[in-house]
Amino acid sequence: MAVLLTTWWVWLAAALGLGILEMLVPGFIFLGFAIGAAVTGLALLGPLKLLSVPAILLLFAVISLIAWLILRRVFSLPKGNVKTFNHDINE
């Protein structure tokens, strides 16, 4: 398991899977994790390929949190506004 966590293509495959899952269950939850996995996978291609497993998992967690916070700020409704529907689309 530890060898898989240090392999770049596993992280990119996880990013792809999480991106597909985000398309099926929208809400910008899985997209933050997908961005974190993609950045972690790309980082393992470069100078960070010698990191330990806990450091890689910490990198993934921090990047995922930052991505989720940015997505929440960019795509959320303006503060104080609530989306309401007054009609049924089937009427």
Protein backbone atom coordinates (compact mmCIF):
# COMPACT_ATOMS: atom_id res chain seq x y z
CA MET A 1 0.00 0.00 0.00
CA ALA A 2 2.80 2.45 0.84
CA VAL A 3 4.39 1.87 -2.55
CA LEU A 4 1.13 2.76 -4.30
CA LEU A 5 0.85 6.03 -2.36
CA THR A 6 4.25 7.12 -3.65
CA THR A 7 3.40 6.36 -7.30
CA TRP A 8 2.32 9.36 -9.35
CA TRP A 9 -0.08 7.57 -11.69
CA VAL A 10 -2.15 6.23 -8.77
CA TRP A 11 -2.84 9.78 -7.63
CA LEU A 12 -3.76 10.89 -11.15
CA ALA A 13 -6.07 7.89 -11.56
CA ALA A 14 -7.69 8.75 -8.22
CA ALA A 15 -8.12 12.34 -9.43
CA LEU A 16 -9.85 11.09 -12.57
CA GLY A 17 -12.12 8.80 -10.55
CA LEU A 18 -13.01 11.59 -8.13
CA GLY A 19 -13.69 13.94 -11.03
CA ILE A 20 -16.09 11.42 -12.55
CA LEU A 21 -17.74 10.95 -9.16
CA GLU A 22 -18.19 14.73 -8.93
CA MET A 23 -20.06 14.65 -12.23
CA LEU A 24 -22.44 12.04 -10.82
CA VAL A 25 -22.87 13.66 -7.39
CA PRO A 26 -22.44 17.43 -7.85
CA GLY A 27 -21.71 19.70 -4.94
CA PHE A 28 -18.02 20.58 -5.23
CA ILE A 29 -17.13 18.07 -2.52
CA PHE A 30 -15.30 15.50 -4.61
CA LEU A 31 -13.86 18.16 -6.93
CA GLY A 32 -11.68 19.53 -4.13
CA PHE A 33 -10.35 16.03 -3.48
CA ALA A 34 -9.82 15.51 -7.22
CA ILE A 35 -7.79 18.71 -7.46
CA GLY A 36 -5.77 17.65 -4.41
CA ALA A 37 -5.07 14.23 -5.90
CA ALA A 38 -4.11 15.71 -9.27
CA VAL A 39 -1.70 18.23 -7.73
CA THR A 40 -0.22 15.53 -5.51
CA GLY A 41 0.27 13.25 -8.52
CA LEU A 42 1.94 16.00 -10.49
CA ALA A 43 4.12 16.91 -7.51
CA LEU A 44 5.31 13.30 -7.30
CA LEU A 45 6.51 13.58 -10.89
CA GLY A 46 8.80 16.44 -9.95
CA PRO A 47 10.95 17.37 -7.00
CA LEU A 48 8.68 15.90 -4.31
CA LYS A 49 9.03 12.28 -5.41
CA LEU A 50 11.20 11.45 -2.40
CA LEU A 51 8.62 12.41 0.22
CA SER A 52 7.50 9.91 2.83
CA VAL A 53 3.96 8.52 2.85
CA PRO A 54 2.78 10.71 5.77
CA ALA A 55 4.17 13.80 4.04
CA ILE A 56 2.40 12.86 0.80
CA LEU A 57 -0.89 12.36 2.64
CA LEU A 58 -0.45 15.69 4.42
CA LEU A 59 0.24 17.40 1.08
CA PHE A 60 -2.93 15.84 -0.36
CA ALA A 61 -5.02 16.91 2.64
CA VAL A 62 -3.76 20.50 2.64
CA ILE A 63 -4.17 20.98 -1.11
CA SER A 64 -7.65 19.39 -1.04
CA LEU A 65 -8.74 21.70 1.77
CA ILE A 66 -7.41 24.79 0.00
CA ALA A 67 -9.07 23.75 -3.28
CA TRP A 68 -12.38 23.10 -1.51
CA LEU A 69 -12.29 26.49 0.21
CA ILE A 70 -11.54 28.27 -3.06
CA LEU A 71 -14.33 26.39 -4.87
CA ARG A 72 -16.75 27.20 -2.08
CA ARG A 73 -15.90 30.90 -2.25
CA VAL A 74 -16.07 31.10 -6.04
CA PHE A 75 -19.22 29.04 -6.66
CA SER A 76 -21.35 29.73 -3.59
CA LEU A 77 -24.35 32.03 -3.56
CA PRO A 78 -23.79 35.57 -2.33
CA LYS A 79 -23.92 35.83 1.45
CA GLY A 80 -27.44 36.00 2.81
CA ASN A 81 -29.09 34.74 -0.38
CA VAL A 82 -30.96 31.47 -0.44
CA LYS A 83 -32.09 29.85 -3.65
CA THR A 84 -35.84 29.22 -3.49
CA PHE A 85 -38.25 27.85 -6.04
CA ASN A 86 -41.84 29.13 -6.09
CA HIS A 87 -43.11 26.91 -8.88
CA ASP A 88 -42.99 23.32 -9.94
CA ILE A 89 -41.40 22.62 -13.32
CA ASN A 90 -44.09 19.98 -13.97
CA GLU A 91 -47.00 22.43 -13.83
